[in-house]
Amino acid sequence: MERVYMIVSGLVQGVGFRYHTQTEATRLGLTGYVKNLPDGTVEIVAEGSSPAVTQLLEWSKQGPPAAQVKQVDITYGSANGEFARFAIER
């Protein structure tokens, strides 16, 4: 199991990014959360199998159709099982 922490920047708020991230992460069997940050970026924390984490990372580089992702900053770590599901945090 693996954990990834991402900060996604660009036009990523107000375009359904959190909803689509939750849908994709749930489809991949990941747990964690996604939330908007005050600086206009989106924070994603996801845990699960390495292939699923990689797929979410690759998806986040594009995001949903209305998004314009400029950059994804990534930090990897060890999963600690703190999440029961993948949620949208406010």
N, C-alpha and C. Protein backbone atom coordinates (compact mmCIF):
# COMPACT_ATOMS: atom_id res chain seq x y z
N MET A 1 0.84 -1.19 0.00
CA MET A 1 0.00 0.00 0.00
C MET A 1 0.88 1.25 0.00
N GLU A 2 0.36 2.27 -0.65
CA GLU A 2 1.13 3.49 -0.85
C GLU A 2 0.25 4.70 -0.55
N ARG A 3 0.90 5.81 -0.21
CA ARG A 3 0.19 7.07 0.03
C ARG A 3 0.83 8.13 -0.83
N VAL A 4 -0.01 8.98 -1.42
CA VAL A 4 0.51 10.10 -2.20
C VAL A 4 -0.22 11.37 -1.75
N TYR A 5 0.55 12.43 -1.68
CA TYR A 5 0.04 13.76 -1.33
C TYR A 5 0.30 14.64 -2.55
N MET A 6 -0.74 15.26 -3.09
CA MET A 6 -0.60 16.07 -4.30
C MET A 6 -1.18 17.46 -4.07
N ILE A 7 -0.53 18.44 -4.63
CA ILE A 7 -1.07 19.79 -4.73
C ILE A 7 -1.18 20.08 -6.22
N VAL A 8 -2.42 20.29 -6.67
CA VAL A 8 -2.69 20.51 -8.09
C VAL A 8 -2.98 21.99 -8.30
N SER A 9 -2.24 22.61 -9.22
CA SER A 9 -2.43 24.04 -9.48
C SER A 9 -2.83 24.28 -10.92
N GLY A 10 -3.38 25.46 -11.14
CA GLY A 10 -3.92 25.84 -12.44
C GLY A 10 -5.36 26.26 -12.26
N LEU A 11 -6.17 26.09 -13.29
CA LEU A 11 -7.61 26.35 -13.18
C LEU A 11 -8.25 25.05 -12.68
N VAL A 12 -8.28 24.89 -11.35
CA VAL A 12 -8.72 23.63 -10.76
C VAL A 12 -9.84 23.81 -9.72
N GLN A 13 -10.25 25.04 -9.48
CA GLN A 13 -11.39 25.27 -8.59
C GLN A 13 -12.54 25.83 -9.43
N GLY A 14 -13.76 25.40 -9.08
CA GLY A 14 -14.94 25.86 -9.81
C GLY A 14 -15.17 25.12 -11.11
N VAL A 15 -14.49 23.99 -11.29
CA VAL A 15 -14.61 23.21 -12.54
C VAL A 15 -14.99 21.75 -12.27
N GLY A 16 -15.41 21.45 -11.04
CA GLY A 16 -15.79 20.08 -10.70
C GLY A 16 -14.62 19.17 -10.40
N PHE A 17 -13.46 19.76 -10.12
CA PHE A 17 -12.26 18.94 -9.90
C PHE A 17 -12.42 18.00 -8.71
N ARG A 18 -12.95 18.49 -7.59
CA ARG A 18 -13.09 17.63 -6.41
C ARG A 18 -14.05 16.48 -6.66
N TYR A 19 -15.20 16.77 -7.27
CA TYR A 19 -16.18 15.73 -7.56
C TYR A 19 -15.58 14.65 -8.45
N HIS A 20 -14.95 15.07 -9.53
CA HIS A 20 -14.38 14.10 -10.48
C HIS A 20 -13.21 13.32 -9.87
N THR A 21 -12.44 13.99 -9.00
CA THR A 21 -11.36 13.28 -8.31
C THR A 21 -11.93 12.20 -7.40
N GLN A 22 -12.98 12.55 -6.66
CA GLN A 22 -13.61 11.56 -5.79
C GLN A 22 -14.15 10.37 -6.59
N THR A 23 -14.79 10.65 -7.71
CA THR A 23 -15.33 9.59 -8.57
C THR A 23 -14.21 8.68 -9.07
N GLU A 24 -13.13 9.28 -9.55
CA GLU A 24 -12.00 8.50 -10.08
C GLU A 24 -11.32 7.69 -8.98
N ALA A 25 -11.07 8.31 -7.84
CA ALA A 25 -10.40 7.63 -6.74
C ALA A 25 -11.25 6.46 -6.23
N THR A 26 -12.54 6.67 -6.12
CA THR A 26 -13.44 5.60 -5.67
C THR A 26 -13.44 4.45 -6.68
N ARG A 27 -13.47 4.78 -7.97
CA ARG A 27 -13.42 3.76 -9.02
C ARG A 27 -12.13 2.93 -8.91
N LEU A 28 -11.06 3.58 -8.52
CA LEU A 28 -9.76 2.91 -8.40
C LEU A 28 -9.58 2.18 -7.06
N GLY A 29 -10.55 2.32 -6.16
CA GLY A 29 -10.47 1.66 -4.86
C GLY A 29 -9.57 2.35 -3.86
N LEU A 30 -9.36 3.65 -4.04
CA LEU A 30 -8.49 4.41 -3.15
C LEU A 30 -9.29 5.02 -2.00
N THR A 31 -8.60 5.32 -0.92
CA THR A 31 -9.18 6.07 0.19
C THR A 31 -8.39 7.37 0.35
N GLY A 32 -8.98 8.32 1.06
CA GLY A 32 -8.31 9.60 1.27
C GLY A 32 -9.29 10.74 1.13
N TYR A 33 -8.79 11.88 0.61
CA TYR A 33 -9.66 13.05 0.46
C TYR A 33 -9.12 13.99 -0.60
N VAL A 34 -9.99 14.89 -1.01
CA VAL A 34 -9.64 15.99 -1.91
C VAL A 34 -10.29 17.24 -1.34
N LYS A 35 -9.57 18.37 -1.39
CA LYS A 35 -10.17 19.62 -0.92
C LYS A 35 -9.53 20.81 -1.61
N ASN A 36 -10.33 21.89 -1.71
CA ASN A 36 -9.82 23.16 -2.22
C ASN A 36 -9.02 23.84 -1.13
N LEU A 37 -7.94 24.48 -1.52
CA LEU A 37 -7.14 25.27 -0.59
C LEU A 37 -7.36 26.76 -0.87
N PRO A 38 -7.16 27.60 0.13
CA PRO A 38 -7.41 29.04 -0.03
C PRO A 38 -6.61 29.71 -1.15
N ASP A 39 -5.47 29.13 -1.53
CA ASP A 39 -4.63 29.76 -2.56
C ASP A 39 -5.05 29.39 -3.98
N GLY A 40 -6.18 28.67 -4.13
CA GLY A 40 -6.66 28.32 -5.47
C GLY A 40 -6.21 26.97 -5.97
N THR A 41 -5.42 26.26 -5.18
CA THR A 41 -4.98 24.92 -5.55
C THR A 41 -5.93 23.87 -4.96
N VAL A 42 -5.71 22.62 -5.35
CA VAL A 42 -6.47 21.50 -4.82
C VAL A 42 -5.49 20.53 -4.18
N GLU A 43 -5.82 20.08 -2.97
CA GLU A 43 -5.01 19.11 -2.23
C GLU A 43 -5.67 17.73 -2.36
N ILE A 44 -4.86 16.73 -2.69
CA ILE A 44 -5.33 15.35 -2.77
C ILE A 44 -4.43 14.48 -1.90
N VAL A 45 -5.02 13.69 -1.03
CA VAL A 45 -4.30 12.67 -0.28
C VAL A 45 -4.99 11.35 -0.61
N ALA A 46 -4.23 10.40 -1.14
CA ALA A 46 -4.82 9.12 -1.55
C ALA A 46 -3.95 7.97 -1.08
N GLU A 47 -4.63 6.91 -0.64
CA GLU A 47 -3.95 5.68 -0.24
C GLU A 47 -4.55 4.50 -0.96
N GLY A 48 -3.69 3.55 -1.30
CA GLY A 48 -4.15 2.33 -1.95
C GLY A 48 -2.99 1.63 -2.61
N SER A 49 -3.32 0.73 -3.52
CA SER A 49 -2.27 -0.01 -4.22
C SER A 49 -1.45 0.94 -5.09
N SER A 50 -0.20 0.59 -5.29
CA SER A 50 0.69 1.44 -6.07
C SER A 50 0.15 1.69 -7.48
N PRO A 51 -0.37 0.67 -8.19
CA PRO A 51 -0.91 0.94 -9.54
C PRO A 51 -2.10 1.90 -9.51
N ALA A 52 -2.97 1.79 -8.51
CA ALA A 52 -4.13 2.68 -8.42
C ALA A 52 -3.70 4.11 -8.10
N VAL A 53 -2.73 4.25 -7.20
CA VAL A 53 -2.21 5.58 -6.86
C VAL A 53 -1.60 6.22 -8.10
N THR A 54 -0.85 5.45 -8.86
CA THR A 54 -0.23 5.95 -10.09
C THR A 54 -1.29 6.39 -11.09
N GLN A 55 -2.36 5.62 -11.22
CA GLN A 55 -3.43 5.97 -12.15
C GLN A 55 -4.10 7.29 -11.74
N LEU A 56 -4.35 7.47 -10.44
CA LEU A 56 -4.94 8.73 -9.99
C LEU A 56 -3.99 9.90 -10.23
N LEU A 57 -2.72 9.68 -10.00
CA LEU A 57 -1.73 10.72 -10.25
C LEU A 57 -1.74 11.13 -11.72
N GLU A 58 -1.74 10.15 -12.61
CA GLU A 58 -1.77 10.45 -14.05
C GLU A 58 -3.06 11.17 -14.43
N TRP A 59 -4.19 10.73 -13.86
CA TRP A 59 -5.46 11.39 -14.13
C TRP A 59 -5.42 12.84 -13.66
N SER A 60 -4.85 13.09 -12.50
CA SER A 60 -4.84 14.43 -11.92
C SER A 60 -4.02 15.42 -12.75
N LYS A 61 -3.12 14.93 -13.56
CA LYS A 61 -2.33 15.82 -14.42
C LYS A 61 -3.18 16.45 -15.51
N GLN A 62 -4.34 15.85 -15.80
CA GLN A 62 -5.28 16.39 -16.78
C GLN A 62 -6.53 16.91 -16.08
N GLY A 63 -7.09 16.09 -15.17
CA GLY A 63 -8.30 16.46 -14.46
C GLY A 63 -9.53 16.36 -15.34
N PRO A 64 -10.65 16.91 -14.87
CA PRO A 64 -11.89 16.88 -15.66
C PRO A 64 -11.78 17.82 -16.86
N PRO A 65 -12.72 17.71 -17.81
CA PRO A 65 -12.63 18.48 -19.05
C PRO A 65 -12.46 19.99 -18.89
N ALA A 66 -13.12 20.61 -17.91
CA ALA A 66 -13.05 22.07 -17.76
C ALA A 66 -11.78 22.55 -17.05
N ALA A 67 -11.02 21.65 -16.46
CA ALA A 67 -9.82 22.03 -15.72
C ALA A 67 -8.66 22.34 -16.67
N GLN A 68 -7.76 23.16 -16.18
CA GLN A 68 -6.50 23.45 -16.89
C GLN A 68 -5.37 23.30 -15.88
N VAL A 69 -4.89 22.07 -15.76
CA VAL A 69 -3.85 21.77 -14.78
C VAL A 69 -2.51 22.29 -15.29
N LYS A 70 -1.84 23.07 -14.45
CA LYS A 70 -0.52 23.59 -14.80
C LYS A 70 0.59 22.78 -14.16
N GLN A 71 0.34 22.31 -12.93
CA GLN A 71 1.40 21.62 -12.19
C GLN A 71 0.80 20.71 -11.13
N VAL A 72 1.47 19.59 -10.89
CA VAL A 72 1.11 18.69 -9.80
C VAL A 72 2.36 18.43 -8.98
N ASP A 73 2.37 18.90 -7.74
CA ASP A 73 3.49 18.64 -6.83
C ASP A 73 3.15 17.37 -6.06
N ILE A 74 4.09 16.44 -6.00
CA ILE A 74 3.83 15.10 -5.47
C ILE A 74 4.79 14.76 -4.35
N THR A 75 4.25 14.18 -3.28
CA THR A 75 5.05 13.63 -2.19
C THR A 75 4.51 12.23 -1.91
N TYR A 76 5.38 11.24 -1.92
CA TYR A 76 4.98 9.86 -1.62
C TYR A 76 5.26 9.53 -0.16
N GLY A 77 4.50 8.60 0.36
CA GLY A 77 4.70 8.13 1.73
C GLY A 77 4.14 6.74 1.89
N SER A 78 4.14 6.27 3.11
CA SER A 78 3.58 4.95 3.42
C SER A 78 2.13 5.13 3.87
N ALA A 79 1.28 4.25 3.37
CA ALA A 79 -0.13 4.29 3.78
C ALA A 79 -0.23 3.93 5.25
N ASN A 80 -1.14 4.61 5.96
CA ASN A 80 -1.33 4.28 7.37
C ASN A 80 -2.76 3.85 7.68
N GLY A 81 -3.60 3.76 6.64
CA GLY A 81 -4.95 3.24 6.80
C GLY A 81 -5.90 4.11 7.59
N GLU A 82 -5.65 5.42 7.63
CA GLU A 82 -6.49 6.30 8.45
C GLU A 82 -7.83 6.63 7.81
N PHE A 83 -8.01 6.33 6.52
CA PHE A 83 -9.24 6.69 5.82
C PHE A 83 -10.10 5.46 5.56
N ALA A 84 -11.43 5.63 5.69
CA ALA A 84 -12.36 4.54 5.41
C ALA A 84 -12.85 4.59 3.97
N ARG A 85 -12.81 5.78 3.36
CA ARG A 85 -13.30 5.97 1.99
C ARG A 85 -12.59 7.19 1.40
N PHE A 86 -12.96 7.55 0.19
CA PHE A 86 -12.40 8.75 -0.42
C PHE A 86 -13.47 9.84 -0.37
N ALA A 87 -13.17 10.95 0.29
CA ALA A 87 -14.17 11.98 0.56
C ALA A 87 -13.75 13.34 0.00
N ILE A 88 -14.75 14.18 -0.18
CA ILE A 88 -14.52 15.59 -0.50
C ILE A 88 -14.56 16.34 0.83
N GLU A 89 -13.48 17.02 1.16
CA GLU A 89 -13.42 17.82 2.37
C GLU A 89 -13.66 19.27 2.03
N ARG A 90 -14.25 19.98 2.94
CA ARG A 90 -14.55 21.40 2.70
C ARG A 90 -13.69 22.28 3.59
